Structure formats: C-alpha cells, structure tokens
N, C-alpha and C. Protein backbone atom coordinates (compact mmCIF):
# COMPACT_ATOMS: atom_id res chain seq x y z
N PHE A 1 -20.61 36.31 -2.28
CA PHE A 1 -19.29 35.74 -2.47
C PHE A 1 -18.49 35.87 -1.17
N ASN A 2 -18.03 34.75 -0.65
CA ASN A 2 -17.24 34.70 0.57
C ASN A 2 -15.76 34.90 0.21
N LYS A 3 -15.12 35.89 0.79
CA LYS A 3 -13.73 36.20 0.48
C LYS A 3 -12.75 35.47 1.39
N MET A 4 -13.21 34.46 2.12
CA MET A 4 -12.35 33.72 3.05
C MET A 4 -11.76 32.49 2.36
N PHE A 5 -10.49 32.21 2.65
CA PHE A 5 -9.81 31.02 2.18
C PHE A 5 -9.31 30.28 3.40
N SER A 6 -9.55 28.98 3.48
CA SER A 6 -9.08 28.15 4.59
C SER A 6 -8.23 27.02 4.03
N GLY A 7 -7.20 26.65 4.77
CA GLY A 7 -6.34 25.57 4.32
C GLY A 7 -5.70 24.85 5.48
N GLU A 8 -4.98 23.78 5.15
CA GLU A 8 -4.24 23.00 6.14
C GLU A 8 -2.88 22.65 5.58
N GLY A 9 -1.87 22.73 6.44
CA GLY A 9 -0.52 22.36 6.07
C GLY A 9 0.19 23.43 5.27
N GLY A 10 1.50 23.43 5.38
CA GLY A 10 2.32 24.37 4.64
C GLY A 10 3.37 25.00 5.53
N ILE A 11 4.24 25.77 4.92
CA ILE A 11 5.33 26.43 5.65
C ILE A 11 5.38 27.89 5.24
N PHE A 12 5.54 28.75 6.23
CA PHE A 12 5.71 30.19 6.03
C PHE A 12 7.10 30.55 6.55
N ASP A 13 7.85 31.34 5.77
CA ASP A 13 9.15 31.78 6.27
C ASP A 13 9.28 33.29 6.14
N TRP A 14 10.34 33.80 6.69
CA TRP A 14 10.58 35.24 6.72
C TRP A 14 11.72 35.64 5.77
N SER A 15 11.87 34.91 4.67
CA SER A 15 12.94 35.22 3.72
C SER A 15 12.75 36.61 3.09
N ALA A 16 11.52 37.05 2.94
CA ALA A 16 11.26 38.39 2.39
C ALA A 16 11.79 39.49 3.31
N ALA A 17 11.99 39.15 4.59
CA ALA A 17 12.52 40.10 5.57
C ALA A 17 14.04 39.94 5.73
N GLY A 18 14.64 39.07 4.90
CA GLY A 18 16.08 38.89 4.95
C GLY A 18 16.56 37.77 5.86
N LEU A 19 15.63 37.01 6.44
CA LEU A 19 16.00 35.89 7.31
C LEU A 19 16.06 34.61 6.50
N SER A 20 16.97 33.72 6.85
CA SER A 20 17.15 32.47 6.12
C SER A 20 15.91 31.57 6.22
N ALA A 21 15.43 31.10 5.07
CA ALA A 21 14.21 30.27 5.04
C ALA A 21 14.39 28.93 5.75
N ASP A 22 15.64 28.44 5.86
CA ASP A 22 15.84 27.17 6.55
C ASP A 22 16.17 27.35 8.03
N SER A 23 16.22 28.60 8.50
CA SER A 23 16.51 28.87 9.91
C SER A 23 15.31 29.41 10.69
N VAL A 24 14.44 30.14 10.01
CA VAL A 24 13.28 30.75 10.67
C VAL A 24 12.04 30.44 9.82
N PHE A 25 11.17 29.58 10.35
CA PHE A 25 9.97 29.23 9.60
C PHE A 25 8.88 28.74 10.55
N TYR A 26 7.66 28.77 10.05
CA TYR A 26 6.49 28.35 10.81
C TYR A 26 5.79 27.26 10.02
N GLU A 27 5.59 26.10 10.64
CA GLU A 27 4.88 24.99 10.02
C GLU A 27 3.40 25.11 10.35
N LEU A 28 2.62 25.46 9.35
CA LEU A 28 1.19 25.68 9.52
C LEU A 28 0.44 24.36 9.63
N GLN A 29 -0.57 24.34 10.48
CA GLN A 29 -1.51 23.22 10.51
C GLN A 29 -2.80 23.71 9.88
N GLY A 30 -3.62 24.45 10.60
CA GLY A 30 -4.82 25.04 10.04
C GLY A 30 -4.64 26.54 9.92
N TYR A 31 -5.15 27.13 8.85
CA TYR A 31 -5.04 28.57 8.67
C TYR A 31 -6.19 29.09 7.82
N SER A 32 -6.40 30.40 7.89
CA SER A 32 -7.42 31.04 7.06
C SER A 32 -7.02 32.48 6.81
N PHE A 33 -7.54 33.04 5.72
CA PHE A 33 -7.32 34.45 5.46
C PHE A 33 -8.42 35.00 4.56
N ASN A 34 -8.65 36.29 4.72
CA ASN A 34 -9.58 37.02 3.89
C ASN A 34 -8.80 37.46 2.66
N THR A 35 -9.25 37.07 1.48
CA THR A 35 -8.50 37.37 0.26
C THR A 35 -8.45 38.86 -0.05
N ALA A 36 -9.24 39.66 0.65
CA ALA A 36 -9.25 41.11 0.43
C ALA A 36 -8.33 41.85 1.40
N LYS A 37 -7.68 41.12 2.33
CA LYS A 37 -6.83 41.76 3.34
C LYS A 37 -5.45 41.10 3.38
N PRO A 38 -4.39 41.86 3.67
CA PRO A 38 -3.03 41.31 3.73
C PRO A 38 -2.70 40.72 5.11
N GLU A 39 -3.47 39.73 5.55
CA GLU A 39 -3.21 39.11 6.86
C GLU A 39 -3.57 37.64 6.81
N LEU A 40 -2.92 36.86 7.66
CA LEU A 40 -3.12 35.42 7.73
C LEU A 40 -3.33 35.05 9.18
N LYS A 41 -4.29 34.18 9.45
CA LYS A 41 -4.52 33.70 10.81
C LYS A 41 -4.21 32.21 10.84
N ALA A 42 -3.18 31.85 11.62
CA ALA A 42 -2.80 30.45 11.79
C ALA A 42 -3.36 29.96 13.12
N GLU A 43 -4.14 28.90 13.07
CA GLU A 43 -4.79 28.42 14.28
C GLU A 43 -3.89 27.52 15.12
N GLN A 44 -3.00 26.79 14.48
CA GLN A 44 -2.04 25.96 15.19
C GLN A 44 -0.83 25.74 14.30
N GLY A 45 0.31 25.52 14.93
CA GLY A 45 1.52 25.24 14.18
C GLY A 45 2.73 25.22 15.09
N LYS A 46 3.91 25.15 14.45
CA LYS A 46 5.16 25.10 15.20
C LYS A 46 6.15 26.09 14.58
N LEU A 47 6.78 26.87 15.46
CA LEU A 47 7.77 27.86 15.04
C LEU A 47 9.17 27.29 15.26
N THR A 48 10.01 27.38 14.23
CA THR A 48 11.42 27.05 14.35
C THR A 48 12.22 28.32 14.12
N TYR A 49 13.13 28.62 15.05
CA TYR A 49 14.02 29.77 14.91
C TYR A 49 15.39 29.29 15.41
N ARG A 50 16.14 28.68 14.51
CA ARG A 50 17.43 28.09 14.87
C ARG A 50 18.37 29.16 15.41
N GLY A 51 19.01 28.84 16.54
CA GLY A 51 19.92 29.77 17.18
C GLY A 51 19.23 30.68 18.20
N LYS A 52 17.90 30.72 18.18
CA LYS A 52 17.15 31.57 19.12
C LYS A 52 16.28 30.74 20.06
N THR A 53 15.79 29.60 19.60
CA THR A 53 14.98 28.71 20.45
C THR A 53 15.64 27.33 20.45
N PRO A 54 15.58 26.60 21.56
CA PRO A 54 16.24 25.30 21.65
C PRO A 54 15.56 24.21 20.82
N ALA A 55 14.30 24.38 20.49
CA ALA A 55 13.54 23.39 19.73
C ALA A 55 12.36 24.08 19.08
N LYS A 56 11.56 23.30 18.35
CA LYS A 56 10.34 23.86 17.77
C LYS A 56 9.42 24.32 18.90
N VAL A 57 8.75 25.44 18.69
CA VAL A 57 7.85 26.00 19.69
C VAL A 57 6.42 25.80 19.21
N ASP A 58 5.62 25.09 20.02
CA ASP A 58 4.20 24.93 19.70
C ASP A 58 3.52 26.28 19.81
N TRP A 59 2.69 26.59 18.85
CA TRP A 59 2.00 27.88 18.82
C TRP A 59 0.52 27.63 18.62
N ILE A 60 -0.28 28.19 19.50
CA ILE A 60 -1.74 28.03 19.39
C ILE A 60 -2.35 29.40 19.30
C-alpha cells in the first residue's frame, strides 16, 4: 500500500495561524504528501502576501 497522495490545483492559507485567508495564501499547482506524515510538498505555485509583497511570487 502506497501512502502517497498526489494532486493538482488548490489553495492553502495560513488562517489556522491567525492570518487572513484572503491576504496570505498559496495557489498550488502540483503537490504530493505522505498520508502518514504531517507535511506537504508543493512542486510549483504562487504565493500571495498582501501588504508584504508587491505581487504574486512564483515559487518552485
């Protein structure tokens, strides 16, 4: 049994850390994670942090 999950598309935000979901978020393109571990690996996407960055930041 392979415990890996792979997906494409979606949005991750830091609202659980008290940051506004519409101000700080990451638009996922490709991602994967091991269902037995609390970690996520995003292969590509764009980070938005309104008030801290002038525009979306490409992340590879």
